[in-house]
Amino acid sequence: MGWLPTLPHGFEDALGRYALLAAFAGTAAGAVLWLAGSRFSRSLVTLLAVSLGAVIGVHLPGWFGWSVDAMGVAFVGALVLGLTGYLLHTTWIGMTLSLVLALWAGTAAWLTVGGGEQLHWPAVNPSAGVEVVLSDVWKSLPGELPKVMPLAIALALTGGVAITLLSPKLGRVLTYTMVGLSILVVMGVTALQMSRPDWLVMLPRSFPTQAAILVGMVVVGVLIQWRLTPVGRIKAEGGAGDAKE
């Protein structure tokens, strides 16, 4: 963080402590979601939907120039999205699983086909349209990524929907396993980088080994959460549609 020396004396130390605490808290939260998140799925989805609705609602008047009370719109947004999170729980799970699978597929494509190279942003013309800018950025992707990544992401999105439709229980446990594991890895590595960077040297460097470890952790998380989330609980929460096994 090159901007830290410009902060007042002592502030960077406090920021470092809070950032480290946040990284450890994120690591713990990721571990809980990885191993037991599906058991509290409906409550978590509803809470997430309420929070998302409130955040979107409070900004909508400013985005569209509405002369209405932002807090009122935030309340309505929280209520509407909260109800969808509670009543359309399986739909939220399917969308989340599709997104996290697409993220993993895109990352895997970047590391394999793209060689993990850093993205070099092209020169962007501010007067150009959004489509032109996005097209230039997409064409600047390294290697064969412009051709491979859309296919990988499309297959991942389709797979997330298919898994949730065929087996809502598997879709639920796989969603929380992969979301929790993603948070655990990112926050855990961040915490190590800030507190014990020398420990990172002991981590495997080859992509096949890292991928095998991640797949193994996904299997462990799915097996544990499968036992923790009985079919009867899914029937009680989501009705007959969520209980297809």
C-alpha atoms as a PDB file:
ATOM      1  CA  MET A   1       0.000   0.000   0.000  1.00  0.00           C
ATOM      2  CA  GLY A   2       2.034   2.871  -1.279  1.00  0.00           C
ATOM      3  CA  TRP A   3      -0.371   5.480   0.091  1.00  0.00           C
ATOM      4  CA  LEU A   4       0.083   4.442   3.728  1.00  0.00           C
ATOM      5  CA  PRO A   5       3.129   6.705   4.381  1.00  0.00           C
ATOM      6  CA  THR A   6       0.984   9.755   3.549  1.00  0.00           C
ATOM      7  CA  LEU A   7      -1.455   9.042   6.383  1.00  0.00           C
ATOM      8  CA  PRO A   8      -1.139  10.649   9.827  1.00  0.00           C
ATOM      9  CA  HIS A   9       1.344   9.041  12.189  1.00  0.00           C
ATOM     10  CA  GLY A  10      -0.086   5.948  13.855  1.00  0.00           C
ATOM     11  CA  PHE A  11      -3.117   5.736  11.564  1.00  0.00           C
ATOM     12  CA  GLU A  12      -1.464   3.187   9.308  1.00  0.00           C
ATOM     13  CA  ASP A  13      -0.845   0.904  12.312  1.00  0.00           C
ATOM     14  CA  ALA A  14      -4.495   1.089  13.351  1.00  0.00           C
ATOM     15  CA  LEU A  15      -5.610   0.484   9.767  1.00  0.00           C
ATOM     16  CA  GLY A  16      -3.284  -2.504   9.564  1.00  0.00           C
ATOM     17  CA  ARG A  17      -4.731  -3.973  12.758  1.00  0.00           C
ATOM     18  CA  TYR A  18      -8.316  -3.496  11.606  1.00  0.00           C
ATOM     19  CA  ALA A  19      -7.515  -4.910   8.171  1.00  0.00           C
ATOM     20  CA  LEU A  20      -5.886  -7.948   9.748  1.00  0.00           C
ATOM     21  CA  LEU A  21      -8.878  -8.449  12.053  1.00  0.00           C
ATOM     22  CA  ALA A  22     -11.190  -8.172   9.052  1.00  0.00           C
ATOM     23  CA  ALA A  23      -9.109 -10.756   7.178  1.00  0.00           C
ATOM     24  CA  PHE A  24      -9.261 -13.183  10.113  1.00  0.00           C
ATOM     25  CA  ALA A  25     -12.995 -12.569  10.535  1.00  0.00           C
ATOM     26  CA  GLY A  26     -13.520 -13.216   6.826  1.00  0.00           C
ATOM     27  CA  THR A  27     -11.489 -16.414   7.081  1.00  0.00           C
ATOM     28  CA  ALA A  28     -13.640 -17.633   9.980  1.00  0.00           C
ATOM     29  CA  ALA A  29     -16.860 -16.719   8.157  1.00  0.00           C
ATOM     30  CA  GLY A  30     -15.669 -18.551   5.052  1.00  0.00           C
ATOM     31  CA  ALA A  31     -14.872 -21.653   7.111  1.00  0.00           C
ATOM     32  CA  VAL A  32     -18.371 -21.635   8.642  1.00  0.00           C
ATOM     33  CA  LEU A  33     -20.037 -21.288   5.235  1.00  0.00           C
ATOM     34  CA  TRP A  34     -17.758 -23.973   3.788  1.00  0.00           C
ATOM     35  CA  LEU A  35     -18.678 -26.558   6.417  1.00  0.00           C
ATOM     36  CA  ALA A  36     -22.140 -25.610   7.723  1.00  0.00           C
ATOM     37  CA  GLY A  37     -23.654 -22.760   5.716  1.00  0.00           C
ATOM     38  CA  SER A  38     -26.397 -24.814   4.059  1.00  0.00           C
ATOM     39  CA  ARG A  39     -28.045 -25.561   7.401  1.00  0.00           C
ATOM     40  CA  PHE A  40     -28.905 -21.875   7.793  1.00  0.00           C
ATOM     41  CA  SER A  41     -29.532 -21.282   4.116  1.00  0.00           C
ATOM     42  CA  ARG A  42     -32.987 -19.689   4.157  1.00  0.00           C
ATOM     43  CA  SER A  43     -32.080 -17.248   6.919  1.00  0.00           C
ATOM     44  CA  LEU A  44     -28.836 -16.284   5.195  1.00  0.00           C
ATOM     45  CA  VAL A  45     -30.474 -15.842   1.794  1.00  0.00           C
ATOM     46  CA  THR A  46     -33.288 -13.735   3.260  1.00  0.00           C
ATOM     47  CA  LEU A  47     -30.833 -11.567   5.186  1.00  0.00           C
ATOM     48  CA  LEU A  48     -28.696 -11.097   2.078  1.00  0.00           C
ATOM     49  CA  ALA A  49     -31.750 -10.212  -0.012  1.00  0.00           C
ATOM     50  CA  VAL A  50     -32.979  -7.683   2.572  1.00  0.00           C
ATOM     51  CA  SER A  51     -29.546  -6.037   2.768  1.00  0.00           C
ATOM     52  CA  LEU A  52     -29.189  -5.943  -1.017  1.00  0.00           C
ATOM     53  CA  GLY A  53     -32.665  -4.485  -1.431  1.00  0.00           C
ATOM     54  CA  ALA A  54     -31.964  -1.762   1.130  1.00  0.00           C
ATOM     55  CA  VAL A  55     -28.639  -0.809  -0.454  1.00  0.00           C
ATOM     56  CA  ILE A  56     -30.106  -0.675  -3.958  1.00  0.00           C
ATOM     57  CA  GLY A  57     -33.210   1.160  -2.779  1.00  0.00           C
ATOM     58  CA  VAL A  58     -31.329   3.895  -0.962  1.00  0.00           C
ATOM     59  CA  HIS A  59     -29.346   4.687  -4.136  1.00  0.00           C
ATOM     60  CA  LEU A  60     -32.151   4.419  -6.702  1.00  0.00           C
ATOM     61  CA  PRO A  61     -33.448   8.015  -6.253  1.00  0.00           C
ATOM     62  CA  GLY A  62     -29.964   9.397  -6.860  1.00  0.00           C
ATOM     63  CA  TRP A  63     -29.345   7.182  -9.881  1.00  0.00           C
ATOM     64  CA  PHE A  64     -32.615   8.068 -11.621  1.00  0.00           C
ATOM     65  CA  GLY A  65     -33.141  11.577 -10.268  1.00  0.00           C
ATOM     66  CA  TRP A  66     -36.307  10.736  -8.326  1.00  0.00           C
ATOM     67  CA  SER A  67     -37.599  13.352  -5.889  1.00  0.00           C
ATOM     68  CA  VAL A  68     -38.649  10.814  -3.263  1.00  0.00           C
ATOM     69  CA  ASP A  69     -37.434   9.828   0.168  1.00  0.00           C
ATOM     70  CA  ALA A  70     -34.458   7.477  -0.230  1.00  0.00           C
ATOM     71  CA  MET A  71     -35.201   5.735   3.064  1.00  0.00           C
ATOM     72  CA  GLY A  72     -38.714   4.908   1.912  1.00  0.00           C
ATOM     73  CA  VAL A  73     -37.431   3.389  -1.299  1.00  0.00           C
ATOM     74  CA  ALA A  74     -34.812   1.477   0.700  1.00  0.00           C
ATOM     75  CA  PHE A  75     -37.568   0.069   2.933  1.00  0.00           C
ATOM     76  CA  VAL A  76     -39.605  -1.042  -0.067  1.00  0.00           C
ATOM     77  CA  GLY A  77     -36.541  -2.544  -1.739  1.00  0.00           C
ATOM     78  CA  ALA A  78     -35.609  -4.451   1.409  1.00  0.00           C
ATOM     79  CA  LEU A  79     -39.171  -5.731   1.753  1.00  0.00           C
ATOM     80  CA  VAL A  80     -39.539  -6.824  -1.865  1.00  0.00           C
ATOM     81  CA  LEU A  81     -36.148  -8.526  -2.208  1.00  0.00           C
ATOM     82  CA  GLY A  82     -36.474  -9.993   1.280  1.00  0.00           C
ATOM     83  CA  LEU A  83     -39.726 -11.671   0.276  1.00  0.00           C
ATOM     84  CA  THR A  84     -38.144 -13.052  -2.884  1.00  0.00           C
ATOM     85  CA  GLY A  85     -35.250 -14.388  -0.832  1.00  0.00           C
ATOM     86  CA  TYR A  86     -37.661 -16.170   1.500  1.00  0.00           C
ATOM     87  CA  LEU A  87     -40.236 -17.387  -1.029  1.00  0.00           C
ATOM     88  CA  LEU A  88     -37.859 -18.016  -3.966  1.00  0.00           C
ATOM     89  CA  HIS A  89     -35.048 -19.489  -1.931  1.00  0.00           C
ATOM     90  CA  THR A  90     -34.108 -22.173  -4.450  1.00  0.00           C
ATOM     91  CA  THR A  91     -33.988 -19.598  -7.253  1.00  0.00           C
ATOM     92  CA  TRP A  92     -31.489 -17.506  -5.288  1.00  0.00           C
ATOM     93  CA  ILE A  93     -29.422 -20.619  -4.596  1.00  0.00           C
ATOM     94  CA  GLY A  94     -29.387 -21.550  -8.279  1.00  0.00           C
ATOM     95  CA  MET A  95     -28.303 -18.065  -9.349  1.00  0.00           C
ATOM     96  CA  THR A  96     -25.581 -17.963  -6.695  1.00  0.00           C
ATOM     97  CA  LEU A  97     -24.269 -21.395  -7.650  1.00  0.00           C
ATOM     98  CA  SER A  98     -24.178 -20.390 -11.316  1.00  0.00           C
ATOM     99  CA  LEU A  99     -22.252 -17.210 -10.503  1.00  0.00           C
ATOM    100  CA  VAL A 100     -19.684 -18.906  -8.265  1.00  0.00           C
ATOM    101  CA  LEU A 101     -19.172 -21.711 -10.793  1.00  0.00           C
ATOM    102  CA  ALA A 102     -18.666 -19.087 -13.501  1.00  0.00           C
ATOM    103  CA  LEU A 103     -16.127 -17.311 -11.282  1.00  0.00           C
ATOM    104  CA  TRP A 104     -14.195 -20.529 -10.682  1.00  0.00           C
ATOM    105  CA  ALA A 105     -14.359 -21.477 -14.381  1.00  0.00           C
ATOM    106  CA  GLY A 106     -13.172 -18.037 -15.450  1.00  0.00           C
ATOM    107  CA  THR A 107     -10.310 -18.131 -12.959  1.00  0.00           C
ATOM    108  CA  ALA A 108      -9.280 -21.618 -14.086  1.00  0.00           C
ATOM    109  CA  ALA A 109      -9.342 -20.514 -17.722  1.00  0.00           C
ATOM    110  CA  TRP A 110      -7.242 -17.470 -16.874  1.00  0.00           C
ATOM    111  CA  LEU A 111      -4.627 -19.569 -15.066  1.00  0.00           C
ATOM    112  CA  THR A 112      -4.438 -22.304 -17.710  1.00  0.00           C
ATOM    113  CA  VAL A 113      -5.229 -20.870 -21.120  1.00  0.00           C
ATOM    114  CA  GLY A 114      -4.210 -17.329 -20.243  1.00  0.00           C
ATOM    115  CA  GLY A 115      -1.141 -18.415 -18.338  1.00  0.00           C
ATOM    116  CA  GLY A 116      -2.108 -16.222 -15.377  1.00  0.00           C
ATOM    117  CA  GLU A 117      -0.778 -13.153 -17.144  1.00  0.00           C
ATOM    118  CA  GLN A 118      -1.677  -9.731 -15.835  1.00  0.00           C
ATOM    119  CA  LEU A 119      -4.281  -7.837 -17.800  1.00  0.00           C
ATOM    120  CA  HIS A 120      -2.897  -4.877 -19.719  1.00  0.00           C
ATOM    121  CA  TRP A 121      -5.674  -2.335 -20.070  1.00  0.00           C
ATOM    122  CA  PRO A 122      -5.937  -0.894 -23.579  1.00  0.00           C
ATOM    123  CA  ALA A 123      -6.115   2.820 -24.289  1.00  0.00           C
ATOM    124  CA  VAL A 124      -9.753   3.763 -23.744  1.00  0.00           C
ATOM    125  CA  ASN A 125     -11.435   6.595 -25.617  1.00  0.00           C
ATOM    126  CA  PRO A 126     -13.803   8.302 -23.145  1.00  0.00           C
ATOM    127  CA  SER A 127     -16.081   9.420 -25.971  1.00  0.00           C
ATOM    128  CA  ALA A 128     -16.540   5.855 -27.232  1.00  0.00           C
ATOM    129  CA  GLY A 129     -19.607   3.882 -26.312  1.00  0.00           C
ATOM    130  CA  VAL A 130     -19.728   1.258 -23.591  1.00  0.00           C
ATOM    131  CA  GLU A 131     -19.881  -1.520 -26.166  1.00  0.00           C
ATOM    132  CA  VAL A 132     -16.667  -0.308 -27.827  1.00  0.00           C
ATOM    133  CA  VAL A 133     -14.823  -0.035 -24.513  1.00  0.00           C
ATOM    134  CA  LEU A 134     -15.906  -3.513 -23.387  1.00  0.00           C
ATOM    135  CA  SER A 135     -14.961  -4.939 -26.780  1.00  0.00           C
ATOM    136  CA  ASP A 136     -11.473  -3.417 -26.571  1.00  0.00           C
ATOM    137  CA  VAL A 137     -10.969  -4.746 -23.043  1.00  0.00           C
ATOM    138  CA  TRP A 138     -12.168  -8.211 -24.073  1.00  0.00           C
ATOM    139  CA  LYS A 139      -9.835  -8.322 -27.071  1.00  0.00           C
ATOM    140  CA  SER A 140      -6.900  -7.384 -24.824  1.00  0.00           C
ATOM    141  CA  LEU A 141      -7.229 -10.621 -22.845  1.00  0.00           C
ATOM    142  CA  PRO A 142      -4.092 -12.781 -23.182  1.00  0.00           C
ATOM    143  CA  GLY A 143      -3.820 -15.928 -25.259  1.00  0.00           C
ATOM    144  CA  GLU A 144      -6.973 -17.691 -26.359  1.00  0.00           C
ATOM    145  CA  LEU A 145      -9.029 -16.347 -23.476  1.00  0.00           C
ATOM    146  CA  PRO A 146     -11.376 -14.286 -25.691  1.00  0.00           C
ATOM    147  CA  LYS A 147     -12.485 -17.576 -27.270  1.00  0.00           C
ATOM    148  CA  VAL A 148     -12.231 -19.996 -24.343  1.00  0.00           C
ATOM    149  CA  MET A 149     -13.540 -17.945 -21.428  1.00  0.00           C
ATOM    150  CA  PRO A 150     -17.066 -17.329 -22.835  1.00  0.00           C
ATOM    151  CA  LEU A 151     -17.513 -21.078 -23.359  1.00  0.00           C
ATOM    152  CA  ALA A 152     -16.209 -21.918 -19.871  1.00  0.00           C
ATOM    153  CA  ILE A 153     -18.445 -19.326 -18.213  1.00  0.00           C
ATOM    154  CA  ALA A 154     -21.498 -20.382 -20.254  1.00  0.00           C
ATOM    155  CA  LEU A 155     -21.011 -24.035 -19.287  1.00  0.00           C
ATOM    156  CA  ALA A 156     -20.594 -23.058 -15.639  1.00  0.00           C
ATOM    157  CA  LEU A 157     -23.763 -20.944 -15.639  1.00  0.00           C
ATOM    158  CA  THR A 158     -25.734 -23.742 -17.281  1.00  0.00           C
ATOM    159  CA  GLY A 159     -24.281 -26.306 -14.884  1.00  0.00           C
ATOM    160  CA  GLY A 160     -25.307 -24.289 -11.823  1.00  0.00           C
ATOM    161  CA  VAL A 161     -28.911 -24.089 -12.996  1.00  0.00           C
ATOM    162  CA  ALA A 162     -29.003 -27.771 -13.966  1.00  0.00           C
ATOM    163  CA  ILE A 163     -27.580 -28.973 -10.637  1.00  0.00           C
ATOM    164  CA  THR A 164     -30.077 -26.917  -8.638  1.00  0.00           C
ATOM    165  CA  LEU A 165     -33.030 -28.128 -10.724  1.00  0.00           C
ATOM    166  CA  LEU A 166     -32.035 -31.796 -10.611  1.00  0.00           C
ATOM    167  CA  SER A 167     -31.079 -31.863  -6.924  1.00  0.00           C
ATOM    168  CA  PRO A 168     -31.914 -28.820  -4.775  1.00  0.00           C
ATOM    169  CA  LYS A 169     -30.062 -30.349  -1.828  1.00  0.00           C
ATOM    170  CA  LEU A 170     -26.866 -30.838  -3.834  1.00  0.00           C
ATOM    171  CA  GLY A 171     -27.242 -27.349  -5.268  1.00  0.00           C
ATOM    172  CA  ARG A 172     -27.560 -25.890  -1.789  1.00  0.00           C
ATOM    173  CA  VAL A 173     -24.609 -27.673  -0.204  1.00  0.00           C
ATOM    174  CA  LEU A 174     -22.417 -27.100  -3.260  1.00  0.00           C
ATOM    175  CA  THR A 175     -23.282 -23.401  -3.275  1.00  0.00           C
ATOM    176  CA  TYR A 176     -22.279 -22.829   0.342  1.00  0.00           C
ATOM    177  CA  THR A 177     -19.242 -25.059   0.009  1.00  0.00           C
ATOM    178  CA  MET A 178     -17.866 -23.127  -2.959  1.00  0.00           C
ATOM    179  CA  VAL A 179     -18.837 -19.674  -1.680  1.00  0.00           C
ATOM    180  CA  GLY A 180     -17.369 -20.391   1.744  1.00  0.00           C
ATOM    181  CA  LEU A 181     -14.227 -21.920   0.277  1.00  0.00           C
ATOM    182  CA  SER A 182     -13.741 -18.913  -2.017  1.00  0.00           C
ATOM    183  CA  ILE A 183     -13.975 -16.531   0.948  1.00  0.00           C
ATOM    184  CA  LEU A 184     -11.771 -18.799   3.061  1.00  0.00           C
ATOM    185  CA  VAL A 185      -9.000 -18.942   0.459  1.00  0.00           C
ATOM    186  CA  VAL A 186      -9.001 -15.234  -0.389  1.00  0.00           C
ATOM    187  CA  MET A 187      -9.252 -13.989   3.185  1.00  0.00           C
ATOM    188  CA  GLY A 188      -6.926 -16.680   4.527  1.00  0.00           C
ATOM    189  CA  VAL A 189      -4.189 -15.841   2.040  1.00  0.00           C
ATOM    190  CA  THR A 190      -4.693 -12.134   2.794  1.00  0.00           C
ATOM    191  CA  ALA A 191      -4.373 -12.767   6.533  1.00  0.00           C
ATOM    192  CA  LEU A 192      -1.198 -14.794   6.006  1.00  0.00           C
ATOM    193  CA  GLN A 193       0.234 -12.130   3.720  1.00  0.00           C
ATOM    194  CA  MET A 194      -0.312  -9.512   6.425  1.00  0.00           C
ATOM    195  CA  SER A 195       0.729 -11.552   9.468  1.00  0.00           C
ATOM    196  CA  ARG A 196       2.936 -14.490   8.405  1.00  0.00           C
ATOM    197  CA  PRO A 197       4.081 -13.950   4.799  1.00  0.00           C
ATOM    198  CA  ASP A 198       6.857 -16.505   5.237  1.00  0.00           C
ATOM    199  CA  TRP A 199       4.222 -19.233   5.641  1.00  0.00           C
ATOM    200  CA  LEU A 200       3.003 -18.636   2.086  1.00  0.00           C
ATOM    201  CA  VAL A 201       6.272 -20.124   0.802  1.00  0.00           C
ATOM    202  CA  MET A 202       5.122 -23.531   2.072  1.00  0.00           C
ATOM    203  CA  LEU A 203       2.026 -23.500  -0.132  1.00  0.00           C
ATOM    204  CA  PRO A 204       2.216 -25.559  -3.356  1.00  0.00           C
ATOM    205  CA  ARG A 205       3.027 -23.527  -6.455  1.00  0.00           C
ATOM    206  CA  SER A 206       1.898 -25.836  -9.264  1.00  0.00           C
ATOM    207  CA  PHE A 207      -1.614 -25.295 -10.577  1.00  0.00           C
ATOM    208  CA  PRO A 208      -2.528 -29.028 -10.752  1.00  0.00           C
ATOM    209  CA  THR A 209      -1.642 -29.454  -7.065  1.00  0.00           C
ATOM    210  CA  GLN A 210      -3.592 -26.362  -6.058  1.00  0.00           C
ATOM    211  CA  ALA A 211      -6.580 -27.491  -8.119  1.00  0.00           C
ATOM    212  CA  ALA A 212      -6.479 -30.966  -6.551  1.00  0.00           C
ATOM    213  CA  ILE A 213      -6.421 -29.467  -3.047  1.00  0.00           C
ATOM    214  CA  LEU A 214      -9.366 -27.193  -3.842  1.00  0.00           C
ATOM    215  CA  VAL A 215     -11.373 -30.067  -5.323  1.00  0.00           C
ATOM    216  CA  GLY A 216     -10.620 -32.157  -2.246  1.00  0.00           C
ATOM    217  CA  MET A 217     -11.801 -29.337   0.033  1.00  0.00           C
ATOM    218  CA  VAL A 218     -14.977 -29.002  -2.042  1.00  0.00           C
ATOM    219  CA  VAL A 219     -15.660 -32.736  -1.629  1.00  0.00           C
ATOM    220  CA  VAL A 220     -15.071 -32.525   2.132  1.00  0.00           C
ATOM    221  CA  GLY A 221     -17.394 -29.548   2.460  1.00  0.00           C
ATOM    222  CA  VAL A 222     -20.137 -31.193   0.404  1.00  0.00           C
ATOM    223  CA  LEU A 223     -19.958 -34.444   2.402  1.00  0.00           C
ATOM    224  CA  ILE A 224     -20.113 -32.650   5.754  1.00  0.00           C
ATOM    225  CA  GLN A 225     -22.937 -30.319   4.753  1.00  0.00           C
ATOM    226  CA  TRP A 226     -24.862 -33.163   3.132  1.00  0.00           C
ATOM    227  CA  ARG A 227     -25.023 -34.867   6.525  1.00  0.00           C
ATOM    228  CA  LEU A 228     -25.875 -31.622   8.310  1.00  0.00           C
ATOM    229  CA  THR A 229     -28.773 -30.764   5.975  1.00  0.00           C
ATOM    230  CA  PRO A 230     -31.409 -33.536   6.058  1.00  0.00           C
ATOM    231  CA  VAL A 231     -33.994 -33.775   3.293  1.00  0.00           C
ATOM    232  CA  GLY A 232     -36.768 -33.147   5.795  1.00  0.00           C
ATOM    233  CA  ARG A 233     -35.360 -29.715   6.554  1.00  0.00           C
ATOM    234  CA  ILE A 234     -35.363 -28.828   2.853  1.00  0.00           C
ATOM    235  CA  LYS A 235     -38.975 -30.032   2.543  1.00  0.00           C
ATOM    236  CA  ALA A 236     -40.005 -27.889   5.491  1.00  0.00           C
ATOM    237  CA  GLU A 237     -38.262 -24.800   4.132  1.00  0.00           C
ATOM    238  CA  GLY A 238     -38.923 -25.008   0.430  1.00  0.00           C
ATOM    239  CA  GLY A 239     -41.830 -27.319  -0.123  1.00  0.00           C
ATOM    240  CA  ALA A 240     -42.026 -30.256  -2.509  1.00  0.00           C
ATOM    241  CA  GLY A 241     -40.159 -28.419  -5.257  1.00  0.00           C
ATOM    242  CA  ASP A 242     -37.048 -28.106  -3.098  1.00  0.00           C
ATOM    243  CA  ALA A 243     -37.190 -31.713  -1.949  1.00  0.00           C
ATOM    244  CA  LYS A 244     -36.442 -33.483  -5.239  1.00  0.00           C
ATOM    245  CA  GLU A 245     -33.573 -35.825  -4.568  1.00  0.00           C
END
